[in-house]
Amino acid sequence: MTAVNAAPVAPRKRNRAIAIGLAAAILTAGVAGAAVQTTGAWFTATKTATGNTVTAGTLSLGNLGDSATGLVQASNAYPMTDAQAVNAADTAIPAAVIKIRNTGTLPLTASAVLSNLQVKSTTGANLATSNVKVSVWNGTAWGTPVLLSSIVTTPPAQFTVTNLASGVTSEIKLRVFFAGATTDDTYQGATVSFDANASAMQINKQ
């Protein structure tokens, strides 16, 4: 009786079968890993913030004066020479102080305009403004005196305050006086009045 032997598998076919088996095993492992990841087996963390807000800043100016009415006031003005008016050492000379107060939360630039200049006697009669002068404090000295009427008629703004931070006050100091050589007794007790208007604008950040 003749024995029948199975034909041996060719080496090339055997290698192909092994490669297919390994690929299937790797694919199966990958699918299993993906399944594990989607179940939350890895460490994760989340955070949520609800009701978030953005609040606008405010732009506002406080009273221009310190009186109960907020008016700019000075008293006991008198005739003097220009040299006397610019004497910084003489602190007895009255000064009207316009205060630019930043009462908002944003930095600002402000301008102040004086208008409606009037001089009235104690009887209410109008007096000439041609001898009413003013010296403006520039931070280190009193400026050359000029007619107050020349400042009031200068458009569009006589004074500018730049980059005023929140909560800070800038002062505009004015020594208002009468020209000594042209002022007579009709000006005793007279009232010099003017309107002061301040406007502010936010500082744009580029």
C-alpha atoms as a PDB file:
ATOM      1  CA  MET A   1       0.000   0.000   0.000  1.00  0.00           C
ATOM      2  CA  THR A   2       1.374   3.277  -1.058  1.00  0.00           C
ATOM      3  CA  ALA A   3       1.301   6.088   1.544  1.00  0.00           C
ATOM      4  CA  VAL A   4      -0.219   9.400   0.456  1.00  0.00           C
ATOM      5  CA  ASN A   5       1.473  12.469   1.990  1.00  0.00           C
ATOM      6  CA  ALA A   6      -0.150  15.892   2.091  1.00  0.00           C
ATOM      7  CA  ALA A   7       1.588  18.396  -0.088  1.00  0.00           C
ATOM      8  CA  PRO A   8       3.677  20.808   1.960  1.00  0.00           C
ATOM      9  CA  VAL A   9       2.547  24.414   2.059  1.00  0.00           C
ATOM     10  CA  ALA A  10       4.754  26.617   0.008  1.00  0.00           C
ATOM     11  CA  PRO A  11       6.803  29.072   2.114  1.00  0.00           C
ATOM     12  CA  ARG A  12       5.378  32.086   0.263  1.00  0.00           C
ATOM     13  CA  LYS A  13       1.812  31.140   1.036  1.00  0.00           C
ATOM     14  CA  ARG A  14       2.690  30.482   4.694  1.00  0.00           C
ATOM     15  CA  ASN A  15       4.221  33.972   5.093  1.00  0.00           C
ATOM     16  CA  ARG A  16       1.150  35.554   3.506  1.00  0.00           C
ATOM     17  CA  ALA A  17      -1.131  33.765   5.937  1.00  0.00           C
ATOM     18  CA  ILE A  18       0.936  34.936   8.914  1.00  0.00           C
ATOM     19  CA  ALA A  19       0.875  38.558   7.677  1.00  0.00           C
ATOM     20  CA  ILE A  20      -2.902  38.487   7.245  1.00  0.00           C
ATOM     21  CA  GLY A  21      -3.307  37.078  10.734  1.00  0.00           C
ATOM     22  CA  LEU A  22      -1.141  39.796  12.290  1.00  0.00           C
ATOM     23  CA  ALA A  23      -3.006  42.538  10.452  1.00  0.00           C
ATOM     24  CA  ALA A  24      -6.301  41.217  11.702  1.00  0.00           C
ATOM     25  CA  ALA A  25      -4.968  41.103  15.256  1.00  0.00           C
ATOM     26  CA  ILE A  26      -3.714  44.698  15.061  1.00  0.00           C
ATOM     27  CA  LEU A  27      -7.011  45.900  13.600  1.00  0.00           C
ATOM     28  CA  THR A  28      -8.921  44.145  16.358  1.00  0.00           C
ATOM     29  CA  ALA A  29      -6.714  45.732  19.022  1.00  0.00           C
ATOM     30  CA  GLY A  30      -7.223  49.173  17.484  1.00  0.00           C
ATOM     31  CA  VAL A  31     -10.967  48.829  17.481  1.00  0.00           C
ATOM     32  CA  ALA A  32     -10.902  47.666  21.064  1.00  0.00           C
ATOM     33  CA  GLY A  33      -8.727  50.642  22.066  1.00  0.00           C
ATOM     34  CA  ALA A  34     -11.107  53.061  20.399  1.00  0.00           C
ATOM     35  CA  ALA A  35     -13.986  51.537  22.245  1.00  0.00           C
ATOM     36  CA  VAL A  36     -12.194  51.929  25.550  1.00  0.00           C
ATOM     37  CA  GLN A  37     -11.384  55.608  24.869  1.00  0.00           C
ATOM     38  CA  THR A  38     -14.982  56.561  24.113  1.00  0.00           C
ATOM     39  CA  THR A  39     -16.120  55.070  27.408  1.00  0.00           C
ATOM     40  CA  GLY A  40     -14.133  57.703  29.401  1.00  0.00           C
ATOM     41  CA  ALA A  41     -11.372  55.445  30.634  1.00  0.00           C
ATOM     42  CA  TRP A  42      -8.874  58.296  30.086  1.00  0.00           C
ATOM     43  CA  PHE A  43      -8.610  61.244  32.535  1.00  0.00           C
ATOM     44  CA  THR A  44     -10.604  64.305  31.397  1.00  0.00           C
ATOM     45  CA  ALA A  45     -11.823  67.590  32.909  1.00  0.00           C
ATOM     46  CA  THR A  46     -14.266  70.345  31.898  1.00  0.00           C
ATOM     47  CA  LYS A  47     -15.200  73.793  33.229  1.00  0.00           C
ATOM     48  CA  THR A  48     -18.182  76.023  32.379  1.00  0.00           C
ATOM     49  CA  ALA A  49     -18.744  79.727  33.256  1.00  0.00           C
ATOM     50  CA  THR A  50     -22.301  81.002  32.917  1.00  0.00           C
ATOM     51  CA  GLY A  51     -23.746  84.502  33.149  1.00  0.00           C
ATOM     52  CA  ASN A  52     -20.540  86.232  31.972  1.00  0.00           C
ATOM     53  CA  THR A  53     -20.772  90.038  31.579  1.00  0.00           C
ATOM     54  CA  VAL A  54     -18.916  92.999  30.089  1.00  0.00           C
ATOM     55  CA  THR A  55     -19.665  96.339  31.788  1.00  0.00           C
ATOM     56  CA  ALA A  56     -19.204  99.660  29.999  1.00  0.00           C
ATOM     57  CA  GLY A  57     -17.052 102.313  31.650  1.00  0.00           C
ATOM     58  CA  THR A  58     -18.426 105.746  32.552  1.00  0.00           C
ATOM     59  CA  LEU A  59     -17.413 109.219  31.431  1.00  0.00           C
ATOM     60  CA  SER A  60     -18.493 112.056  33.732  1.00  0.00           C
ATOM     61  CA  LEU A  61     -17.360 115.395  35.158  1.00  0.00           C
ATOM     62  CA  GLY A  62     -17.944 116.736  38.638  1.00  0.00           C
ATOM     63  CA  ASN A  63     -18.836 120.303  39.668  1.00  0.00           C
ATOM     64  CA  LEU A  64     -16.577 123.014  38.285  1.00  0.00           C
ATOM     65  CA  GLY A  65     -16.550 124.881  41.611  1.00  0.00           C
ATOM     66  CA  ASP A  66     -16.393 124.130  45.307  1.00  0.00           C
ATOM     67  CA  SER A  67     -19.419 126.135  46.452  1.00  0.00           C
ATOM     68  CA  ALA A  68     -22.676 124.497  47.480  1.00  0.00           C
ATOM     69  CA  THR A  69     -24.067 125.379  44.054  1.00  0.00           C
ATOM     70  CA  GLY A  70     -20.989 124.143  42.210  1.00  0.00           C
ATOM     71  CA  LEU A  71     -20.227 127.660  40.924  1.00  0.00           C
ATOM     72  CA  VAL A  72     -16.739 129.064  40.372  1.00  0.00           C
ATOM     73  CA  GLN A  73     -16.326 131.963  42.801  1.00  0.00           C
ATOM     74  CA  ALA A  74     -13.779 134.419  44.141  1.00  0.00           C
ATOM     75  CA  SER A  75     -14.162 137.543  46.270  1.00  0.00           C
ATOM     76  CA  ASN A  76     -12.385 140.792  47.120  1.00  0.00           C
ATOM     77  CA  ALA A  77     -10.920 141.447  43.684  1.00  0.00           C
ATOM     78  CA  TYR A  78      -9.322 144.881  43.460  1.00  0.00           C
ATOM     79  CA  PRO A  79      -7.360 147.171  41.093  1.00  0.00           C
ATOM     80  CA  MET A  80      -3.670 146.379  40.618  1.00  0.00           C
ATOM     81  CA  THR A  81      -0.869 146.568  38.107  1.00  0.00           C
ATOM     82  CA  ASP A  82       0.158 143.706  35.817  1.00  0.00           C
ATOM     83  CA  ALA A  83       3.357 143.296  37.819  1.00  0.00           C
ATOM     84  CA  GLN A  84       1.380 142.840  41.007  1.00  0.00           C
ATOM     85  CA  ALA A  85      -0.968 140.333  39.357  1.00  0.00           C
ATOM     86  CA  VAL A  86       1.841 137.986  38.327  1.00  0.00           C
ATOM     87  CA  ASN A  87       3.587 138.069  41.702  1.00  0.00           C
ATOM     88  CA  ALA A  88       3.355 134.413  42.775  1.00  0.00           C
ATOM     89  CA  ALA A  89       4.625 135.290  46.236  1.00  0.00           C
ATOM     90  CA  ASP A  90       1.535 137.383  46.938  1.00  0.00           C
ATOM     91  CA  THR A  91      -0.916 134.640  47.893  1.00  0.00           C
ATOM     92  CA  ALA A  92      -3.510 137.148  49.102  1.00  0.00           C
ATOM     93  CA  ILE A  93      -4.571 137.947  45.538  1.00  0.00           C
ATOM     94  CA  PRO A  94      -7.916 136.181  44.994  1.00  0.00           C
ATOM     95  CA  ALA A  95      -8.127 133.532  42.309  1.00  0.00           C
ATOM     96  CA  ALA A  96     -11.124 131.911  40.644  1.00  0.00           C
ATOM     97  CA  VAL A  97     -10.427 128.188  40.281  1.00  0.00           C
ATOM     98  CA  ILE A  98     -12.200 126.057  37.670  1.00  0.00           C
ATOM     99  CA  LYS A  99     -11.888 122.415  38.634  1.00  0.00           C
ATOM    100  CA  ILE A 100     -12.074 119.673  36.012  1.00  0.00           C
ATOM    101  CA  ARG A 101     -12.976 116.581  38.032  1.00  0.00           C
ATOM    102  CA  ASN A 102     -12.973 113.155  36.397  1.00  0.00           C
ATOM    103  CA  THR A 103     -15.727 111.384  38.324  1.00  0.00           C
ATOM    104  CA  GLY A 104     -16.078 108.521  35.831  1.00  0.00           C
ATOM    105  CA  THR A 105     -14.081 105.337  35.406  1.00  0.00           C
ATOM    106  CA  LEU A 106     -12.408 106.145  32.074  1.00  0.00           C
ATOM    107  CA  PRO A 107      -9.499 108.523  31.382  1.00  0.00           C
ATOM    108  CA  LEU A 108     -10.550 111.606  29.433  1.00  0.00           C
ATOM    109  CA  THR A 109      -9.570 114.800  27.685  1.00  0.00           C
ATOM    110  CA  ALA A 110     -11.586 117.871  28.615  1.00  0.00           C
ATOM    111  CA  SER A 111     -11.978 121.406  27.326  1.00  0.00           C
ATOM    112  CA  ALA A 112     -13.349 124.441  29.133  1.00  0.00           C
ATOM    113  CA  VAL A 113     -15.012 127.425  27.503  1.00  0.00           C
ATOM    114  CA  LEU A 114     -15.754 130.775  29.156  1.00  0.00           C
ATOM    115  CA  SER A 115     -18.604 132.881  27.817  1.00  0.00           C
ATOM    116  CA  ASN A 116     -21.166 135.585  28.639  1.00  0.00           C
ATOM    117  CA  LEU A 117     -18.837 138.005  30.411  1.00  0.00           C
ATOM    118  CA  GLN A 118     -20.646 140.738  32.351  1.00  0.00           C
ATOM    119  CA  VAL A 119     -19.613 143.384  34.852  1.00  0.00           C
ATOM    120  CA  LYS A 120     -22.355 144.952  36.975  1.00  0.00           C
ATOM    121  CA  SER A 121     -22.286 147.641  39.631  1.00  0.00           C
ATOM    122  CA  THR A 122     -23.939 147.263  43.020  1.00  0.00           C
ATOM    123  CA  THR A 123     -27.032 148.896  41.506  1.00  0.00           C
ATOM    124  CA  GLY A 124     -27.151 146.360  38.695  1.00  0.00           C
ATOM    125  CA  ALA A 125     -25.906 148.756  36.032  1.00  0.00           C
ATOM    126  CA  ASN A 126     -23.636 147.361  33.328  1.00  0.00           C
ATOM    127  CA  LEU A 127     -20.009 148.455  33.595  1.00  0.00           C
ATOM    128  CA  ALA A 128     -17.326 148.314  30.927  1.00  0.00           C
ATOM    129  CA  THR A 129     -15.340 145.066  30.651  1.00  0.00           C
ATOM    130  CA  SER A 130     -12.369 146.805  29.061  1.00  0.00           C
ATOM    131  CA  ASN A 131     -10.484 147.137  32.341  1.00  0.00           C
ATOM    132  CA  VAL A 132     -11.146 143.645  33.705  1.00  0.00           C
ATOM    133  CA  LYS A 133      -7.996 141.572  33.294  1.00  0.00           C
ATOM    134  CA  VAL A 134      -6.935 138.013  34.013  1.00  0.00           C
ATOM    135  CA  SER A 135      -3.693 136.151  34.606  1.00  0.00           C
ATOM    136  CA  VAL A 136      -3.722 132.359  34.151  1.00  0.00           C
ATOM    137  CA  TRP A 137      -1.559 129.989  36.195  1.00  0.00           C
ATOM    138  CA  ASN A 138       0.500 127.773  33.871  1.00  0.00           C
ATOM    139  CA  GLY A 139       1.693 125.346  36.528  1.00  0.00           C
ATOM    140  CA  THR A 140       4.857 127.205  37.441  1.00  0.00           C
ATOM    141  CA  ALA A 141       4.036 130.914  37.124  1.00  0.00           C
ATOM    142  CA  TRP A 142       1.245 133.386  36.458  1.00  0.00           C
ATOM    143  CA  GLY A 143       0.922 134.253  32.786  1.00  0.00           C
ATOM    144  CA  THR A 144       1.028 137.720  31.234  1.00  0.00           C
ATOM    145  CA  PRO A 145      -2.275 139.472  32.071  1.00  0.00           C
ATOM    146  CA  VAL A 146      -4.745 140.008  29.229  1.00  0.00           C
ATOM    147  CA  LEU A 147      -8.261 141.354  29.024  1.00  0.00           C
ATOM    148  CA  LEU A 148     -10.736 138.782  30.298  1.00  0.00           C
ATOM    149  CA  SER A 149     -12.976 139.684  27.360  1.00  0.00           C
ATOM    150  CA  SER A 150     -10.272 138.525  24.940  1.00  0.00           C
ATOM    151  CA  ILE A 151     -10.289 135.052  26.509  1.00  0.00           C
ATOM    152  CA  VAL A 152     -14.077 134.824  26.610  1.00  0.00           C
ATOM    153  CA  THR A 153     -14.335 135.587  22.886  1.00  0.00           C
ATOM    154  CA  THR A 154     -11.631 133.114  21.827  1.00  0.00           C
ATOM    155  CA  PRO A 155     -13.214 130.051  20.153  1.00  0.00           C
ATOM    156  CA  PRO A 156     -13.606 127.181  20.429  1.00  0.00           C
ATOM    157  CA  ALA A 157     -12.014 126.433  23.824  1.00  0.00           C
ATOM    158  CA  GLN A 158      -9.748 128.493  26.024  1.00  0.00           C
ATOM    159  CA  PHE A 159      -8.457 125.662  28.198  1.00  0.00           C
ATOM    160  CA  THR A 160      -7.663 122.014  27.570  1.00  0.00           C
ATOM    161  CA  VAL A 161      -6.881 119.217  30.017  1.00  0.00           C
ATOM    162  CA  THR A 162      -5.448 116.059  28.472  1.00  0.00           C
ATOM    163  CA  ASN A 163      -5.234 112.484  29.711  1.00  0.00           C
ATOM    164  CA  LEU A 164      -7.030 113.058  33.005  1.00  0.00           C
ATOM    165  CA  ALA A 165      -7.202 109.775  34.895  1.00  0.00           C
ATOM    166  CA  SER A 166     -10.259 108.539  36.773  1.00  0.00           C
ATOM    167  CA  GLY A 167     -10.664 110.208  40.166  1.00  0.00           C
ATOM    168  CA  VAL A 168      -8.171 112.985  39.377  1.00  0.00           C
ATOM    169  CA  THR A 169      -8.873 116.753  39.444  1.00  0.00           C
ATOM    170  CA  SER A 170      -7.117 119.351  37.301  1.00  0.00           C
ATOM    171  CA  GLU A 171      -7.320 123.031  38.276  1.00  0.00           C
ATOM    172  CA  ILE A 172      -7.524 126.086  36.011  1.00  0.00           C
ATOM    173  CA  LYS A 173      -6.517 129.062  38.162  1.00  0.00           C
ATOM    174  CA  LEU A 174      -7.482 132.597  37.131  1.00  0.00           C
ATOM    175  CA  ARG A 175      -6.476 135.828  38.851  1.00  0.00           C
ATOM    176  CA  VAL A 176      -9.197 138.254  37.821  1.00  0.00           C
ATOM    177  CA  PHE A 177      -8.474 141.894  38.674  1.00  0.00           C
ATOM    178  CA  PHE A 178      -9.142 145.457  37.598  1.00  0.00           C
ATOM    179  CA  ALA A 179      -6.580 147.551  35.740  1.00  0.00           C
ATOM    180  CA  GLY A 180      -5.427 150.058  38.332  1.00  0.00           C
ATOM    181  CA  ALA A 181      -4.968 153.038  35.992  1.00  0.00           C
ATOM    182  CA  THR A 182      -8.527 152.924  34.563  1.00  0.00           C
ATOM    183  CA  THR A 183     -10.683 151.740  37.462  1.00  0.00           C
ATOM    184  CA  ASP A 184     -12.655 154.268  39.475  1.00  0.00           C
ATOM    185  CA  ASP A 185     -14.941 154.010  42.463  1.00  0.00           C
ATOM    186  CA  THR A 186     -17.926 152.879  40.376  1.00  0.00           C
ATOM    187  CA  TYR A 187     -16.326 149.400  40.410  1.00  0.00           C
ATOM    188  CA  GLN A 188     -16.346 149.092  44.192  1.00  0.00           C
ATOM    189  CA  GLY A 189     -18.517 146.117  45.053  1.00  0.00           C
ATOM    190  CA  ALA A 190     -18.992 145.305  41.341  1.00  0.00           C
ATOM    191  CA  THR A 191     -19.575 141.727  40.221  1.00  0.00           C
ATOM    192  CA  VAL A 192     -17.670 140.131  37.354  1.00  0.00           C
ATOM    193  CA  SER A 193     -19.599 137.149  36.057  1.00  0.00           C
ATOM    194  CA  PHE A 194     -19.061 134.592  33.296  1.00  0.00           C
ATOM    195  CA  ASP A 195     -20.277 131.158  32.332  1.00  0.00           C
ATOM    196  CA  ALA A 196     -17.946 128.176  32.344  1.00  0.00           C
ATOM    197  CA  ASN A 197     -18.714 125.110  30.280  1.00  0.00           C
ATOM    198  CA  ALA A 198     -16.599 121.965  30.349  1.00  0.00           C
ATOM    199  CA  SER A 199     -16.937 119.002  28.019  1.00  0.00           C
ATOM    200  CA  ALA A 200     -15.097 115.703  28.072  1.00  0.00           C
ATOM    201  CA  MET A 201     -14.251 112.982  25.584  1.00  0.00           C
ATOM    202  CA  GLN A 202     -12.860 109.529  26.171  1.00  0.00           C
ATOM    203  CA  ILE A 203      -9.237 108.848  25.303  1.00  0.00           C
ATOM    204  CA  ASN A 204      -9.254 106.353  22.441  1.00  0.00           C
ATOM    205  CA  LYS A 205      -6.807 103.508  22.827  1.00  0.00           C
ATOM    206  CA  GLN A 206      -5.098 102.495  19.587  1.00  0.00           C
END
